[in-house]
Amino acid sequence: MASKVVFPEPDGPTKDIGLPDSTDKLILLTIVKRPSGLLTSFVMSLTSKIKSFNGFLIAFSAILLLVTSAVNSSENIASNNNAIVILGDSLSAGYGVKNNESWPSLLQSSISNENLKLTVINAGISGDTTSGGLYRLPLLLEKHKPKLVILELGGNDGLRGMSVNKVIKKNLEEMINMSRGYGAIVVLIGVQLPPNYGKMYTNNFEQMFIDLALKYDLILVKGSIVDMISSNQMQSDGIHPNQAGHVVIEKEIWRKIKPILETITD
């Protein structure tokens, strides 16, 4: 049975698209104040001024390279075939906490304390979706050739009411297979949605992570918004984990992946 660790609801704008049992409540746009959010806003502003599709792709590719460089500026990211790539959204990007307080940074500290020669590549970007992750993953795999890929995506898709099977699950499956094609072990982080999307949709969304873990024999870390709130591990925005929340998240992820880390450094 998969262990449970507390995670907040994802970030990002959405609107009611008439899902079964949904209400008229809207999830407000999260204004990201950290560099990753500013860069996201820059992307939106720039691409809105580019009329040609080719022009968009060129500009967007350049920005993604800048993003990858920015989120790893404090780490030695030289490719040494001992990398752990974290592909995620604001939860991984560390929105609202200092860089060294985010769970990916804490994970690197735990790895270093065990004298394991592994480098964490934090490729988390606030507001990212499974489609964005699928677009970014090939470059990350080619550049770092990671031994381990941690997927923390899907929440923003859910907030937008995207189809669980046709979009979210499909994209996650492609990322799982793509990572394995490069010889990487995949860890999947499950998230939960707020209840206003209706019981049917939220249950299907949560079950998706369980089904993927069973189908591909993945390490799964599940989340609970309720536990996060009751444990006072959320920021004042009610969406993102605070410093204590990141500590709890890292401890659970570390507990789940520690047994395999020594084997992948051989």
C-alpha atoms as a PDB file:
ATOM      1  CA  MET A   1       0.000   0.000   0.000  1.00  0.00           C
ATOM      2  CA  ALA A   2       1.328   3.431  -0.930  1.00  0.00           C
ATOM      3  CA  SER A   3       2.377   5.707   1.897  1.00  0.00           C
ATOM      4  CA  LYS A   4       0.592   9.009   2.379  1.00  0.00           C
ATOM      5  CA  VAL A   5       2.234  12.374   2.726  1.00  0.00           C
ATOM      6  CA  VAL A   6       0.569  15.753   2.785  1.00  0.00           C
ATOM      7  CA  PHE A   7       0.481  17.844  -0.349  1.00  0.00           C
ATOM      8  CA  PRO A   8      -1.438  21.025  -1.161  1.00  0.00           C
ATOM      9  CA  GLU A   9      -3.771  21.589  -4.056  1.00  0.00           C
ATOM     10  CA  PRO A  10      -1.897  22.692  -7.192  1.00  0.00           C
ATOM     11  CA  ASP A  11      -1.517  26.233  -8.405  1.00  0.00           C
ATOM     12  CA  GLY A  12      -2.828  27.896 -11.528  1.00  0.00           C
ATOM     13  CA  PRO A  13      -5.879  29.517 -13.100  1.00  0.00           C
ATOM     14  CA  THR A  14      -8.970  27.602 -14.076  1.00  0.00           C
ATOM     15  CA  LYS A  15     -12.631  27.974 -14.869  1.00  0.00           C
ATOM     16  CA  ASP A  16     -15.739  25.875 -14.470  1.00  0.00           C
ATOM     17  CA  ILE A  17     -16.195  23.784 -17.621  1.00  0.00           C
ATOM     18  CA  GLY A  18     -19.311  21.950 -16.539  1.00  0.00           C
ATOM     19  CA  LEU A  19     -17.820  18.780 -15.125  1.00  0.00           C
ATOM     20  CA  PRO A  20     -20.276  16.378 -13.484  1.00  0.00           C
ATOM     21  CA  ASP A  21     -21.292  17.502  -9.988  1.00  0.00           C
ATOM     22  CA  SER A  22     -19.149  20.624 -10.283  1.00  0.00           C
ATOM     23  CA  THR A  23     -20.198  23.896  -8.713  1.00  0.00           C
ATOM     24  CA  ASP A  24     -19.852  27.471  -9.924  1.00  0.00           C
ATOM     25  CA  LYS A  25     -16.937  28.122  -7.586  1.00  0.00           C
ATOM     26  CA  LEU A  26     -13.812  29.272  -9.392  1.00  0.00           C
ATOM     27  CA  ILE A  27     -10.216  28.758  -8.371  1.00  0.00           C
ATOM     28  CA  LEU A  28      -8.553  32.166  -8.461  1.00  0.00           C
ATOM     29  CA  LEU A  29      -5.353  32.849 -10.342  1.00  0.00           C
ATOM     30  CA  THR A  30      -2.316  32.413  -8.135  1.00  0.00           C
ATOM     31  CA  ILE A  31       0.008  35.396  -8.524  1.00  0.00           C
ATOM     32  CA  VAL A  32       3.512  33.972  -8.406  1.00  0.00           C
ATOM     33  CA  LYS A  33       6.047  36.324  -6.864  1.00  0.00           C
ATOM     34  CA  ARG A  34       9.124  34.111  -7.043  1.00  0.00           C
ATOM     35  CA  PRO A  35      11.433  34.139 -10.098  1.00  0.00           C
ATOM     36  CA  SER A  36       9.745  31.104 -11.652  1.00  0.00           C
ATOM     37  CA  GLY A  37       6.400  32.884 -11.608  1.00  0.00           C
ATOM     38  CA  LEU A  38       7.833  36.068 -13.041  1.00  0.00           C
ATOM     39  CA  LEU A  39       9.388  34.052 -15.809  1.00  0.00           C
ATOM     40  CA  THR A  40       6.051  32.370 -16.477  1.00  0.00           C
ATOM     41  CA  SER A  41       4.432  35.793 -16.806  1.00  0.00           C
ATOM     42  CA  PHE A  42       7.254  36.835 -19.133  1.00  0.00           C
ATOM     43  CA  VAL A  43       6.606  33.791 -21.313  1.00  0.00           C
ATOM     44  CA  MET A  44       2.907  34.642 -21.550  1.00  0.00           C
ATOM     45  CA  SER A  45       3.637  38.276 -22.389  1.00  0.00           C
ATOM     46  CA  LEU A  46       6.260  37.491 -25.000  1.00  0.00           C
ATOM     47  CA  THR A  47       4.419  34.699 -26.752  1.00  0.00           C
ATOM     48  CA  SER A  48       1.253  36.788 -26.995  1.00  0.00           C
ATOM     49  CA  LYS A  49       3.208  39.156 -29.265  1.00  0.00           C
ATOM     50  CA  ILE A  50       4.551  36.458 -31.557  1.00  0.00           C
ATOM     51  CA  LYS A  51       2.253  35.786 -34.497  1.00  0.00           C
ATOM     52  CA  SER A  52       3.997  32.909 -36.254  1.00  0.00           C
ATOM     53  CA  PHE A  53       4.040  29.416 -34.779  1.00  0.00           C
ATOM     54  CA  ASN A  54       7.701  28.906 -35.726  1.00  0.00           C
ATOM     55  CA  GLY A  55       8.586  32.151 -34.028  1.00  0.00           C
ATOM     56  CA  PHE A  56       6.791  30.970 -30.917  1.00  0.00           C
ATOM     57  CA  LEU A  57       8.682  27.678 -30.849  1.00  0.00           C
ATOM     58  CA  ILE A  58      12.054  29.385 -31.207  1.00  0.00           C
ATOM     59  CA  ALA A  59      11.309  31.898 -28.466  1.00  0.00           C
ATOM     60  CA  PHE A  60       9.765  29.318 -26.153  1.00  0.00           C
ATOM     61  CA  SER A  61      12.681  26.916 -26.551  1.00  0.00           C
ATOM     62  CA  ALA A  62      15.119  29.679 -25.663  1.00  0.00           C
ATOM     63  CA  ILE A  63      13.090  30.571 -22.572  1.00  0.00           C
ATOM     64  CA  LEU A  64      12.967  26.951 -21.432  1.00  0.00           C
ATOM     65  CA  LEU A  65      16.749  26.769 -21.588  1.00  0.00           C
ATOM     66  CA  LEU A  66      16.861  29.898 -19.425  1.00  0.00           C
ATOM     67  CA  VAL A  67      14.426  28.348 -16.964  1.00  0.00           C
ATOM     68  CA  THR A  68      16.460  25.165 -16.627  1.00  0.00           C
ATOM     69  CA  SER A  69      19.573  27.221 -15.987  1.00  0.00           C
ATOM     70  CA  ALA A  70      17.835  29.475 -13.469  1.00  0.00           C
ATOM     71  CA  VAL A  71      16.298  26.789 -11.269  1.00  0.00           C
ATOM     72  CA  ASN A  72      19.626  24.964 -10.993  1.00  0.00           C
ATOM     73  CA  SER A  73      21.939  27.954 -10.576  1.00  0.00           C
ATOM     74  CA  SER A  74      22.967  26.859  -7.072  1.00  0.00           C
ATOM     75  CA  GLU A  75      23.767  23.285  -8.045  1.00  0.00           C
ATOM     76  CA  ASN A  76      26.549  21.635  -9.978  1.00  0.00           C
ATOM     77  CA  ILE A  77      24.558  20.317 -12.913  1.00  0.00           C
ATOM     78  CA  ALA A  78      27.366  18.825 -14.924  1.00  0.00           C
ATOM     79  CA  SER A  79      26.092  15.659 -16.516  1.00  0.00           C
ATOM     80  CA  ASN A  80      27.730  12.755 -14.741  1.00  0.00           C
ATOM     81  CA  ASN A  81      25.078  10.072 -15.306  1.00  0.00           C
ATOM     82  CA  ASN A  82      24.226  10.324 -11.601  1.00  0.00           C
ATOM     83  CA  ALA A  83      21.436  12.867 -11.833  1.00  0.00           C
ATOM     84  CA  ILE A  84      17.959  12.927 -10.334  1.00  0.00           C
ATOM     85  CA  VAL A  85      15.580  15.052 -12.393  1.00  0.00           C
ATOM     86  CA  ILE A  86      12.513  16.505 -10.678  1.00  0.00           C
ATOM     87  CA  LEU A  87       9.884  17.542 -13.217  1.00  0.00           C
ATOM     88  CA  GLY A  88       7.103  19.471 -11.510  1.00  0.00           C
ATOM     89  CA  ASP A  89       5.141  22.657 -10.879  1.00  0.00           C
ATOM     90  CA  SER A  90       5.187  25.210  -8.032  1.00  0.00           C
ATOM     91  CA  LEU A  91       5.339  22.481  -5.389  1.00  0.00           C
ATOM     92  CA  SER A  92       8.757  21.494  -6.712  1.00  0.00           C
ATOM     93  CA  ALA A  93       9.743  25.036  -7.677  1.00  0.00           C
ATOM     94  CA  GLY A  94       9.430  26.001  -4.009  1.00  0.00           C
ATOM     95  CA  TYR A  95       6.913  28.806  -4.302  1.00  0.00           C
ATOM     96  CA  GLY A  96       6.791  30.967  -1.164  1.00  0.00           C
ATOM     97  CA  VAL A  97       9.838  29.510   0.591  1.00  0.00           C
ATOM     98  CA  LYS A  98      13.566  30.094   0.305  1.00  0.00           C
ATOM     99  CA  ASN A  99      15.429  28.011  -2.245  1.00  0.00           C
ATOM    100  CA  ASN A 100      17.225  25.997   0.432  1.00  0.00           C
ATOM    101  CA  GLU A 101      13.889  25.281   2.174  1.00  0.00           C
ATOM    102  CA  SER A 102      12.193  23.620  -0.804  1.00  0.00           C
ATOM    103  CA  TRP A 103      11.868  19.858  -0.720  1.00  0.00           C
ATOM    104  CA  PRO A 104      14.170  19.314  -3.753  1.00  0.00           C
ATOM    105  CA  SER A 105      16.940  21.269  -1.973  1.00  0.00           C
ATOM    106  CA  LEU A 106      16.314  19.315   1.222  1.00  0.00           C
ATOM    107  CA  LEU A 107      16.489  16.118  -0.792  1.00  0.00           C
ATOM    108  CA  GLN A 108      19.899  17.121  -2.136  1.00  0.00           C
ATOM    109  CA  SER A 109      21.053  17.743   1.429  1.00  0.00           C
ATOM    110  CA  SER A 110      19.882  14.288   2.523  1.00  0.00           C
ATOM    111  CA  ILE A 111      21.688  12.718  -0.421  1.00  0.00           C
ATOM    112  CA  SER A 112      24.885  14.642   0.326  1.00  0.00           C
ATOM    113  CA  ASN A 113      24.739  13.675   4.015  1.00  0.00           C
ATOM    114  CA  GLU A 114      24.746  10.035   2.942  1.00  0.00           C
ATOM    115  CA  ASN A 115      27.776  10.693   0.712  1.00  0.00           C
ATOM    116  CA  LEU A 116      25.847   9.547  -2.333  1.00  0.00           C
ATOM    117  CA  LYS A 117      27.218  10.922  -5.590  1.00  0.00           C
ATOM    118  CA  LEU A 118      23.884  12.106  -6.963  1.00  0.00           C
ATOM    119  CA  THR A 119      22.905  15.561  -8.164  1.00  0.00           C
ATOM    120  CA  VAL A 120      19.308  16.791  -7.932  1.00  0.00           C
ATOM    121  CA  ILE A 121      18.198  18.732 -11.002  1.00  0.00           C
ATOM    122  CA  ASN A 122      15.150  20.755  -9.981  1.00  0.00           C
ATOM    123  CA  ALA A 123      13.162  21.405 -13.165  1.00  0.00           C
ATOM    124  CA  GLY A 124      10.028  22.560 -11.362  1.00  0.00           C
ATOM    125  CA  ILE A 125       8.213  25.557 -12.878  1.00  0.00           C
ATOM    126  CA  SER A 126       5.202  27.214 -11.257  1.00  0.00           C
ATOM    127  CA  GLY A 127       2.004  26.727 -13.239  1.00  0.00           C
ATOM    128  CA  ASP A 128       3.383  23.878 -15.365  1.00  0.00           C
ATOM    129  CA  THR A 129       1.112  21.156 -16.721  1.00  0.00           C
ATOM    130  CA  THR A 130       1.646  17.622 -18.003  1.00  0.00           C
ATOM    131  CA  SER A 131       1.739  19.010 -21.550  1.00  0.00           C
ATOM    132  CA  GLY A 132       4.483  21.443 -20.571  1.00  0.00           C
ATOM    133  CA  GLY A 133       6.376  18.685 -18.799  1.00  0.00           C
ATOM    134  CA  LEU A 134       6.099  16.408 -21.804  1.00  0.00           C
ATOM    135  CA  TYR A 135       7.531  19.176 -23.976  1.00  0.00           C
ATOM    136  CA  ARG A 136      10.433  19.856 -21.604  1.00  0.00           C
ATOM    137  CA  LEU A 137      11.355  16.295 -20.686  1.00  0.00           C
ATOM    138  CA  PRO A 138      13.288  15.216 -23.829  1.00  0.00           C
ATOM    139  CA  LEU A 139      15.852  18.005 -23.402  1.00  0.00           C
ATOM    140  CA  LEU A 140      16.270  17.193 -19.698  1.00  0.00           C
ATOM    141  CA  LEU A 141      16.768  13.505 -20.420  1.00  0.00           C
ATOM    142  CA  GLU A 142      19.225  14.160 -23.210  1.00  0.00           C
ATOM    143  CA  LYS A 143      21.233  16.670 -21.176  1.00  0.00           C
ATOM    144  CA  HIS A 144      21.377  14.919 -17.804  1.00  0.00           C
ATOM    145  CA  LYS A 145      20.724  11.238 -18.599  1.00  0.00           C
ATOM    146  CA  PRO A 146      19.222  10.809 -15.115  1.00  0.00           C
ATOM    147  CA  LYS A 147      19.193   7.629 -13.097  1.00  0.00           C
ATOM    148  CA  LEU A 148      15.935   8.747 -11.440  1.00  0.00           C
ATOM    149  CA  VAL A 149      13.034  10.920 -12.623  1.00  0.00           C
ATOM    150  CA  ILE A 150      10.514  12.255 -10.111  1.00  0.00           C
ATOM    151  CA  LEU A 151       7.249  13.306 -11.789  1.00  0.00           C
ATOM    152  CA  GLU A 152       5.203  15.869  -9.848  1.00  0.00           C
ATOM    153  CA  LEU A 153       2.693  17.060 -12.425  1.00  0.00           C
ATOM    154  CA  GLY A 154      -1.014  16.894 -13.163  1.00  0.00           C
ATOM    155  CA  GLY A 155      -2.438  19.248 -10.558  1.00  0.00           C
ATOM    156  CA  ASN A 156      -2.716  22.244 -12.828  1.00  0.00           C
ATOM    157  CA  ASP A 157      -4.310  20.081 -15.522  1.00  0.00           C
ATOM    158  CA  GLY A 158      -6.901  19.015 -12.963  1.00  0.00           C
ATOM    159  CA  LEU A 159      -7.605  22.602 -11.944  1.00  0.00           C
ATOM    160  CA  ARG A 160      -8.326  23.354 -15.575  1.00  0.00           C
ATOM    161  CA  GLY A 161     -10.720  20.419 -15.783  1.00  0.00           C
ATOM    162  CA  MET A 162      -8.706  18.570 -18.415  1.00  0.00           C
ATOM    163  CA  SER A 163      -9.737  15.048 -19.318  1.00  0.00           C
ATOM    164  CA  VAL A 164      -8.164  12.596 -16.893  1.00  0.00           C
ATOM    165  CA  ASN A 165      -7.770   9.768 -19.400  1.00  0.00           C
ATOM    166  CA  LYS A 166      -7.371  11.577 -22.718  1.00  0.00           C
ATOM    167  CA  VAL A 167      -4.944  14.270 -21.560  1.00  0.00           C
ATOM    168  CA  ILE A 168      -3.456  13.942 -18.066  1.00  0.00           C
ATOM    169  CA  LYS A 169      -2.974  10.195 -17.883  1.00  0.00           C
ATOM    170  CA  LYS A 170      -1.862  10.016 -21.496  1.00  0.00           C
ATOM    171  CA  ASN A 171       0.814  12.672 -20.965  1.00  0.00           C
ATOM    172  CA  LEU A 172       2.042  11.059 -17.752  1.00  0.00           C
ATOM    173  CA  GLU A 173       2.282   7.680 -19.475  1.00  0.00           C
ATOM    174  CA  GLU A 174       4.335   9.205 -22.267  1.00  0.00           C
ATOM    175  CA  MET A 175       6.693  10.776 -19.733  1.00  0.00           C
ATOM    176  CA  ILE A 176       7.012   7.498 -17.839  1.00  0.00           C
ATOM    177  CA  ASN A 177       7.837   5.546 -20.995  1.00  0.00           C
ATOM    178  CA  MET A 178      10.166   8.260 -22.249  1.00  0.00           C
ATOM    179  CA  SER A 179      12.093   8.292 -18.958  1.00  0.00           C
ATOM    180  CA  ARG A 180      12.362   4.527 -18.914  1.00  0.00           C
ATOM    181  CA  GLY A 181      13.585   4.635 -22.493  1.00  0.00           C
ATOM    182  CA  TYR A 182      16.608   6.501 -21.132  1.00  0.00           C
ATOM    183  CA  GLY A 183      17.051   3.875 -18.423  1.00  0.00           C
ATOM    184  CA  ALA A 184      15.689   6.002 -15.578  1.00  0.00           C
ATOM    185  CA  ILE A 185      13.666   4.783 -12.610  1.00  0.00           C
ATOM    186  CA  VAL A 186      10.433   6.775 -12.263  1.00  0.00           C
ATOM    187  CA  VAL A 187       8.867   8.007  -9.035  1.00  0.00           C
ATOM    188  CA  LEU A 188       5.327   9.373  -9.220  1.00  0.00           C
ATOM    189  CA  ILE A 189       3.950  11.985  -6.821  1.00  0.00           C
ATOM    190  CA  GLY A 190       0.155  11.992  -6.569  1.00  0.00           C
ATOM    191  CA  VAL A 191      -1.809  15.142  -5.746  1.00  0.00           C
ATOM    192  CA  GLN A 192      -5.404  15.873  -4.826  1.00  0.00           C
ATOM    193  CA  LEU A 193      -7.896  18.406  -6.137  1.00  0.00           C
ATOM    194  CA  PRO A 194     -10.272  20.597  -4.113  1.00  0.00           C
ATOM    195  CA  PRO A 195     -13.788  19.145  -3.761  1.00  0.00           C
ATOM    196  CA  ASN A 196     -15.568  21.742  -5.929  1.00  0.00           C
ATOM    197  CA  TYR A 197     -14.785  19.729  -9.057  1.00  0.00           C
ATOM    198  CA  GLY A 198     -17.223  17.046  -8.040  1.00  0.00           C
ATOM    199  CA  LYS A 199     -16.695  13.668  -6.443  1.00  0.00           C
ATOM    200  CA  MET A 200     -16.571  11.761  -9.732  1.00  0.00           C
ATOM    201  CA  TYR A 201     -13.832  13.893 -11.276  1.00  0.00           C
ATOM    202  CA  THR A 202     -11.700  14.221  -8.140  1.00  0.00           C
ATOM    203  CA  ASN A 203     -11.913  10.491  -7.416  1.00  0.00           C
ATOM    204  CA  ASN A 204     -10.964   9.613 -10.996  1.00  0.00           C
ATOM    205  CA  PHE A 205      -8.089  12.068 -10.817  1.00  0.00           C
ATOM    206  CA  GLU A 206      -6.696  10.587  -7.610  1.00  0.00           C
ATOM    207  CA  GLN A 207      -7.215   7.008  -8.807  1.00  0.00           C
ATOM    208  CA  MET A 208      -5.239   7.812 -11.957  1.00  0.00           C
ATOM    209  CA  PHE A 209      -1.975   8.037  -9.996  1.00  0.00           C
ATOM    210  CA  ILE A 210      -2.681   4.744  -8.246  1.00  0.00           C
ATOM    211  CA  ASP A 211      -3.481   3.023 -11.548  1.00  0.00           C
ATOM    212  CA  LEU A 212      -0.313   4.335 -13.178  1.00  0.00           C
ATOM    213  CA  ALA A 213       1.818   3.185 -10.243  1.00  0.00           C
ATOM    214  CA  LEU A 214       0.313  -0.296 -10.410  1.00  0.00           C
ATOM    215  CA  LYS A 215       0.547  -0.560 -14.197  1.00  0.00           C
ATOM    216  CA  TYR A 216       4.180   0.519 -14.395  1.00  0.00           C
ATOM    217  CA  ASP A 217       5.310  -0.727 -10.964  1.00  0.00           C
ATOM    218  CA  LEU A 218       6.292   2.771  -9.824  1.00  0.00           C
ATOM    219  CA  ILE A 219       7.129   4.195  -6.437  1.00  0.00           C
ATOM    220  CA  LEU A 220       4.092   6.324  -5.556  1.00  0.00           C
ATOM    221  CA  VAL A 221       3.892   9.094  -2.966  1.00  0.00           C
ATOM    222  CA  LYS A 222       0.301  10.140  -2.333  1.00  0.00           C
ATOM    223  CA  GLY A 223      -0.911  13.459  -0.983  1.00  0.00           C
ATOM    224  CA  SER A 224      -3.709  14.846   1.177  1.00  0.00           C
ATOM    225  CA  ILE A 225      -4.912  18.448   1.215  1.00  0.00           C
ATOM    226  CA  VAL A 226      -6.879  17.782   4.403  1.00  0.00           C
ATOM    227  CA  ASP A 227      -3.817  16.544   6.278  1.00  0.00           C
ATOM    228  CA  MET A 228      -1.763  19.495   5.093  1.00  0.00           C
ATOM    229  CA  ILE A 229      -4.341  22.001   6.338  1.00  0.00           C
ATOM    230  CA  SER A 230      -4.971  20.292   9.686  1.00  0.00           C
ATOM    231  CA  SER A 231      -1.221  20.074  10.355  1.00  0.00           C
ATOM    232  CA  ASN A 232      -0.710  23.816   9.716  1.00  0.00           C
ATOM    233  CA  GLN A 233       1.716  23.076   6.911  1.00  0.00           C
ATOM    234  CA  MET A 234       0.214  25.443   4.351  1.00  0.00           C
ATOM    235  CA  GLN A 235       1.087  29.016   3.524  1.00  0.00           C
ATOM    236  CA  SER A 236      -1.481  31.764   4.056  1.00  0.00           C
ATOM    237  CA  ASP A 237      -2.634  31.417   0.444  1.00  0.00           C
ATOM    238  CA  GLY A 238      -4.062  27.999   1.331  1.00  0.00           C
ATOM    239  CA  ILE A 239      -2.464  26.483  -1.753  1.00  0.00           C
ATOM    240  CA  HIS A 240       1.260  25.995  -1.222  1.00  0.00           C
ATOM    241  CA  PRO A 241       3.205  24.214   1.560  1.00  0.00           C
ATOM    242  CA  ASN A 242       5.146  26.316   4.024  1.00  0.00           C
ATOM    243  CA  GLN A 243       8.644  25.511   5.263  1.00  0.00           C
ATOM    244  CA  ALA A 244       7.366  22.805   7.628  1.00  0.00           C
ATOM    245  CA  GLY A 245       5.326  21.308   4.806  1.00  0.00           C
ATOM    246  CA  HIS A 246       8.358  21.003   2.562  1.00  0.00           C
ATOM    247  CA  VAL A 247      10.238  19.232   5.367  1.00  0.00           C
ATOM    248  CA  VAL A 248       7.457  16.640   5.697  1.00  0.00           C
ATOM    249  CA  ILE A 249       7.270  16.141   1.933  1.00  0.00           C
ATOM    250  CA  GLU A 250      11.019  15.616   1.642  1.00  0.00           C
ATOM    251  CA  LYS A 251      11.108  13.154   4.525  1.00  0.00           C
ATOM    252  CA  GLU A 252       8.472  10.960   2.918  1.00  0.00           C
ATOM    253  CA  ILE A 253      10.053  11.104  -0.521  1.00  0.00           C
ATOM    254  CA  TRP A 254      13.476  10.379   0.984  1.00  0.00           C
ATOM    255  CA  ARG A 255      12.034   7.415   2.881  1.00  0.00           C
ATOM    256  CA  LYS A 256      10.551   5.989  -0.302  1.00  0.00           C
ATOM    257  CA  ILE A 257      13.561   6.435  -2.599  1.00  0.00           C
ATOM    258  CA  LYS A 258      16.482   5.891  -0.221  1.00  0.00           C
ATOM    259  CA  PRO A 259      16.504   2.085  -0.667  1.00  0.00           C
ATOM    260  CA  ILE A 260      17.111   2.427  -4.409  1.00  0.00           C
ATOM    261  CA  LEU A 261      19.635   5.266  -4.391  1.00  0.00           C
ATOM    262  CA  GLU A 262      22.665   3.154  -3.529  1.00  0.00           C
ATOM    263  CA  THR A 263      21.817   0.736  -6.301  1.00  0.00           C
ATOM    264  CA  ILE A 264      21.669   3.437  -8.981  1.00  0.00           C
ATOM    265  CA  THR A 265      25.084   4.873  -8.058  1.00  0.00           C
ATOM    266  CA  ASP A 266      26.892   1.587  -8.690  1.00  0.00           C
END
